Amino acid sequence: MVDRPADTKNALSRVPVEITISVGRAHPTVSELLTLKRDAVLPLDRSVDDPVELYAGDRLIARGQLQEVEGEEGRLAVRLTEVSEPDSVA
């Protein structure tokens, strides 16, 4: 493992990372997609109570449960229930 100066570690710790939350997948046919209109419902392969997956890029980093942010009606958050182990750096 390569030691980095503390200022480099601090600078890297402030870099924002976009996290994508996957709540499920749909598998419509092309003809079904072409008929979609406003208010159409596209069923997913998961139920409301199933865990969601958190990705950084294409790497699965955690799983969790959707919940409403306390005191902010209608705003969603994720409560982490499982966090992936980081790959060791050689």
N, C-alpha and C. Protein backbone atom coordinates (compact mmCIF):
# COMPACT_ATOMS: atom_id res chain seq x y z
N MET A 1 0.84 -1.18 0.00
CA MET A 1 0.00 0.00 0.00
C MET A 1 0.88 1.23 0.00
N VAL A 2 0.52 2.23 -0.78
CA VAL A 2 1.30 3.46 -0.89
C VAL A 2 0.77 4.46 0.12
N ASP A 3 1.66 5.01 0.95
CA ASP A 3 1.26 6.06 1.88
C ASP A 3 1.13 7.37 1.13
N ARG A 4 0.05 8.10 1.41
CA ARG A 4 -0.18 9.40 0.79
C ARG A 4 -0.08 10.46 1.88
N PRO A 5 0.41 11.64 1.51
CA PRO A 5 0.45 12.72 2.50
C PRO A 5 -0.97 13.02 2.99
N ALA A 6 -1.08 13.49 4.23
CA ALA A 6 -2.38 13.77 4.84
C ALA A 6 -3.18 14.76 4.03
N ASP A 7 -2.53 15.78 3.42
CA ASP A 7 -3.29 16.77 2.66
C ASP A 7 -3.92 16.16 1.41
N THR A 8 -3.28 15.16 0.81
CA THR A 8 -3.87 14.47 -0.35
C THR A 8 -5.08 13.67 0.09
N LYS A 9 -4.98 12.96 1.21
CA LYS A 9 -6.12 12.20 1.72
C LYS A 9 -7.28 13.13 2.04
N ASN A 10 -7.01 14.28 2.65
CA ASN A 10 -8.06 15.24 2.98
C ASN A 10 -8.72 15.78 1.72
N ALA A 11 -7.93 16.08 0.70
CA ALA A 11 -8.49 16.60 -0.56
C ALA A 11 -9.39 15.55 -1.21
N LEU A 12 -8.95 14.31 -1.21
CA LEU A 12 -9.76 13.24 -1.82
C LEU A 12 -11.04 13.00 -1.03
N SER A 13 -11.01 13.18 0.27
CA SER A 13 -12.20 12.93 1.08
C SER A 13 -13.31 13.93 0.81
N ARG A 14 -13.01 15.04 0.16
CA ARG A 14 -14.02 16.05 -0.14
C ARG A 14 -14.58 15.95 -1.56
N VAL A 15 -14.12 14.97 -2.34
CA VAL A 15 -14.62 14.79 -3.70
C VAL A 15 -16.02 14.18 -3.65
N PRO A 16 -17.02 14.85 -4.25
CA PRO A 16 -18.37 14.30 -4.21
C PRO A 16 -18.48 13.06 -5.10
N VAL A 17 -19.29 12.11 -4.67
CA VAL A 17 -19.52 10.87 -5.41
C VAL A 17 -21.03 10.72 -5.60
N GLU A 18 -21.45 10.45 -6.82
CA GLU A 18 -22.87 10.23 -7.08
C GLU A 18 -23.23 8.78 -6.78
N ILE A 19 -24.28 8.61 -5.98
CA ILE A 19 -24.76 7.28 -5.63
C ILE A 19 -26.09 7.07 -6.35
N THR A 20 -26.24 5.94 -7.00
CA THR A 20 -27.48 5.57 -7.67
C THR A 20 -28.19 4.52 -6.84
N ILE A 21 -29.49 4.70 -6.63
CA ILE A 21 -30.30 3.76 -5.87
C ILE A 21 -31.17 2.99 -6.85
N SER A 22 -31.04 1.68 -6.87
CA SER A 22 -31.84 0.84 -7.75
C SER A 22 -32.98 0.22 -6.96
N VAL A 23 -34.20 0.54 -7.36
CA VAL A 23 -35.38 -0.01 -6.68
C VAL A 23 -35.96 -1.20 -7.41
N GLY A 24 -35.49 -1.49 -8.60
CA GLY A 24 -35.98 -2.64 -9.34
C GLY A 24 -35.78 -2.46 -10.82
N ARG A 25 -36.18 -3.48 -11.55
CA ARG A 25 -36.06 -3.47 -13.01
C ARG A 25 -37.40 -3.85 -13.63
N ALA A 26 -37.62 -3.33 -14.82
CA ALA A 26 -38.81 -3.68 -15.59
C ALA A 26 -38.35 -4.32 -16.89
N HIS A 27 -39.17 -5.19 -17.44
CA HIS A 27 -38.79 -5.90 -18.67
C HIS A 27 -39.93 -5.84 -19.69
N PRO A 28 -40.30 -4.63 -20.12
CA PRO A 28 -41.37 -4.53 -21.12
C PRO A 28 -40.85 -4.88 -22.51
N THR A 29 -41.75 -5.22 -23.39
CA THR A 29 -41.39 -5.41 -24.79
C THR A 29 -41.32 -4.03 -25.45
N VAL A 30 -40.74 -3.97 -26.63
CA VAL A 30 -40.67 -2.70 -27.36
C VAL A 30 -42.07 -2.20 -27.65
N SER A 31 -42.98 -3.08 -28.03
CA SER A 31 -44.34 -2.62 -28.34
C SER A 31 -45.02 -2.06 -27.09
N GLU A 32 -44.75 -2.63 -25.91
CA GLU A 32 -45.31 -2.08 -24.66
C GLU A 32 -44.73 -0.69 -24.39
N LEU A 33 -43.44 -0.52 -24.63
CA LEU A 33 -42.81 0.78 -24.42
C LEU A 33 -43.42 1.84 -25.34
N LEU A 34 -43.70 1.46 -26.58
CA LEU A 34 -44.25 2.41 -27.55
C LEU A 34 -45.66 2.86 -27.20
N THR A 35 -46.36 2.08 -26.38
CA THR A 35 -47.73 2.45 -26.02
C THR A 35 -47.82 3.18 -24.68
N LEU A 36 -46.69 3.37 -24.01
CA LEU A 36 -46.72 4.05 -22.71
C LEU A 36 -47.16 5.49 -22.85
N LYS A 37 -48.02 5.89 -21.97
CA LYS A 37 -48.52 7.26 -21.92
C LYS A 37 -48.44 7.74 -20.48
N ARG A 38 -48.73 9.01 -20.28
CA ARG A 38 -48.74 9.58 -18.94
C ARG A 38 -49.68 8.77 -18.05
N ASP A 39 -49.28 8.54 -16.80
CA ASP A 39 -50.02 7.78 -15.79
C ASP A 39 -50.01 6.28 -16.03
N ALA A 40 -49.24 5.81 -17.04
CA ALA A 40 -49.10 4.36 -17.23
C ALA A 40 -48.32 3.80 -16.05
N VAL A 41 -48.54 2.55 -15.73
CA VAL A 41 -47.83 1.88 -14.63
C VAL A 41 -46.93 0.81 -15.23
N LEU A 42 -45.66 0.88 -14.87
CA LEU A 42 -44.67 -0.08 -15.35
C LEU A 42 -44.24 -0.94 -14.16
N PRO A 43 -44.72 -2.18 -14.08
CA PRO A 43 -44.40 -3.02 -12.92
C PRO A 43 -42.91 -3.36 -12.84
N LEU A 44 -42.40 -3.36 -11.62
CA LEU A 44 -41.00 -3.72 -11.37
C LEU A 44 -40.92 -5.15 -10.87
N ASP A 45 -39.71 -5.68 -10.85
CA ASP A 45 -39.50 -7.06 -10.42
C ASP A 45 -39.31 -7.19 -8.91
N ARG A 46 -39.61 -6.14 -8.16
CA ARG A 46 -39.46 -6.18 -6.71
C ARG A 46 -40.71 -5.64 -6.04
N SER A 47 -40.85 -6.00 -4.77
CA SER A 47 -41.98 -5.47 -4.00
C SER A 47 -41.51 -4.26 -3.20
N VAL A 48 -42.44 -3.55 -2.62
CA VAL A 48 -42.14 -2.34 -1.84
C VAL A 48 -41.21 -2.65 -0.67
N ASP A 49 -41.32 -3.82 -0.09
CA ASP A 49 -40.53 -4.17 1.09
C ASP A 49 -39.16 -4.76 0.77
N ASP A 50 -38.87 -5.03 -0.50
CA ASP A 50 -37.57 -5.59 -0.87
C ASP A 50 -36.47 -4.54 -0.68
N PRO A 51 -35.24 -4.97 -0.38
CA PRO A 51 -34.14 -4.02 -0.24
C PRO A 51 -33.83 -3.34 -1.57
N VAL A 52 -33.35 -2.11 -1.49
CA VAL A 52 -32.85 -1.40 -2.66
C VAL A 52 -31.33 -1.54 -2.68
N GLU A 53 -30.73 -1.30 -3.84
CA GLU A 53 -29.29 -1.44 -3.98
C GLU A 53 -28.67 -0.08 -4.26
N LEU A 54 -27.54 0.20 -3.62
CA LEU A 54 -26.82 1.46 -3.81
C LEU A 54 -25.57 1.19 -4.63
N TYR A 55 -25.37 1.98 -5.68
CA TYR A 55 -24.23 1.82 -6.57
C TYR A 55 -23.43 3.11 -6.64
N ALA A 56 -22.10 2.97 -6.64
CA ALA A 56 -21.18 4.05 -6.99
C ALA A 56 -20.60 3.63 -8.33
N GLY A 57 -20.99 4.33 -9.38
CA GLY A 57 -20.65 3.86 -10.73
C GLY A 57 -21.39 2.56 -10.96
N ASP A 58 -20.67 1.52 -11.37
CA ASP A 58 -21.32 0.22 -11.56
C ASP A 58 -21.02 -0.75 -10.42
N ARG A 59 -20.47 -0.25 -9.33
CA ARG A 59 -20.10 -1.09 -8.19
C ARG A 59 -21.16 -1.04 -7.09
N LEU A 60 -21.68 -2.22 -6.73
CA LEU A 60 -22.63 -2.33 -5.63
C LEU A 60 -21.89 -2.04 -4.33
N ILE A 61 -22.35 -1.01 -3.58
CA ILE A 61 -21.65 -0.65 -2.35
C ILE A 61 -22.48 -0.92 -1.10
N ALA A 62 -23.80 -1.05 -1.24
CA ALA A 62 -24.63 -1.28 -0.06
C ALA A 62 -26.05 -1.66 -0.48
N ARG A 63 -26.81 -2.13 0.50
CA ARG A 63 -28.24 -2.39 0.34
C ARG A 63 -28.96 -1.72 1.49
N GLY A 64 -30.23 -1.43 1.28
CA GLY A 64 -30.97 -0.78 2.35
C GLY A 64 -32.46 -0.78 2.09
N GLN A 65 -33.18 -0.12 2.98
CA GLN A 65 -34.63 -0.01 2.91
C GLN A 65 -35.01 1.44 2.66
N LEU A 66 -35.96 1.66 1.75
CA LEU A 66 -36.47 3.01 1.54
C LEU A 66 -37.29 3.42 2.75
N GLN A 67 -37.18 4.68 3.10
CA GLN A 67 -38.01 5.22 4.16
C GLN A 67 -38.22 6.70 3.90
N GLU A 68 -39.23 7.24 4.53
CA GLU A 68 -39.51 8.66 4.40
C GLU A 68 -38.63 9.43 5.39
N VAL A 69 -38.09 10.56 4.95
CA VAL A 69 -37.27 11.39 5.83
C VAL A 69 -38.16 11.95 6.93
N GLU A 70 -37.74 11.75 8.17
CA GLU A 70 -38.53 12.21 9.32
C GLU A 70 -38.71 13.72 9.27
N GLY A 71 -39.96 14.15 9.37
CA GLY A 71 -40.28 15.57 9.36
C GLY A 71 -40.36 16.19 7.98
N GLU A 72 -40.13 15.41 6.92
CA GLU A 72 -40.18 15.93 5.55
C GLU A 72 -41.06 15.01 4.71
N GLU A 73 -42.36 15.18 4.83
CA GLU A 73 -43.33 14.31 4.18
C GLU A 73 -43.06 14.21 2.68
N GLY A 74 -43.03 12.97 2.19
CA GLY A 74 -42.85 12.72 0.77
C GLY A 74 -41.40 12.65 0.32
N ARG A 75 -40.45 12.96 1.19
CA ARG A 75 -39.04 12.92 0.82
C ARG A 75 -38.45 11.58 1.23
N LEU A 76 -37.76 10.92 0.30
CA LEU A 76 -37.23 9.58 0.55
C LEU A 76 -35.78 9.60 1.01
N ALA A 77 -35.44 8.55 1.74
CA ALA A 77 -34.06 8.29 2.17
C ALA A 77 -33.86 6.78 2.14
N VAL A 78 -32.64 6.35 2.37
CA VAL A 78 -32.33 4.92 2.43
C VAL A 78 -31.66 4.64 3.77
N ARG A 79 -32.21 3.68 4.51
CA ARG A 79 -31.58 3.20 5.74
C ARG A 79 -30.72 2.00 5.35
N LEU A 80 -29.41 2.12 5.54
CA LEU A 80 -28.50 1.04 5.14
C LEU A 80 -28.66 -0.17 6.04
N THR A 81 -28.77 -1.33 5.42
CA THR A 81 -28.89 -2.59 6.15
C THR A 81 -27.70 -3.51 5.91
N GLU A 82 -26.95 -3.22 4.85
CA GLU A 82 -25.77 -4.03 4.51
C GLU A 82 -24.81 -3.16 3.73
N VAL A 83 -23.54 -3.16 4.12
CA VAL A 83 -22.52 -2.38 3.43
C VAL A 83 -21.47 -3.34 2.91
N SER A 84 -21.13 -3.20 1.62
CA SER A 84 -20.13 -4.07 1.01
C SER A 84 -18.75 -3.77 1.56
N GLU A 85 -17.94 -4.81 1.67
CA GLU A 85 -16.55 -4.64 2.10
C GLU A 85 -15.76 -4.03 0.96
N PRO A 86 -14.98 -2.99 1.23
CA PRO A 86 -14.14 -2.40 0.15
C PRO A 86 -13.08 -3.40 -0.29
N ASP A 87 -12.76 -3.36 -1.57
CA ASP A 87 -11.68 -4.22 -2.07
C ASP A 87 -10.38 -3.76 -1.46
N SER A 88 -9.53 -4.71 -1.11
CA SER A 88 -8.24 -4.32 -0.54
C SER A 88 -7.36 -3.78 -1.66
N VAL A 89 -6.58 -2.76 -1.35
CA VAL A 89 -5.68 -2.15 -2.31
C VAL A 89 -4.32 -2.81 -2.16
N ALA A 90 -3.78 -3.27 -3.25
CA ALA A 90 -2.47 -3.93 -3.19
C ALA A 90 -1.35 -2.94 -3.33
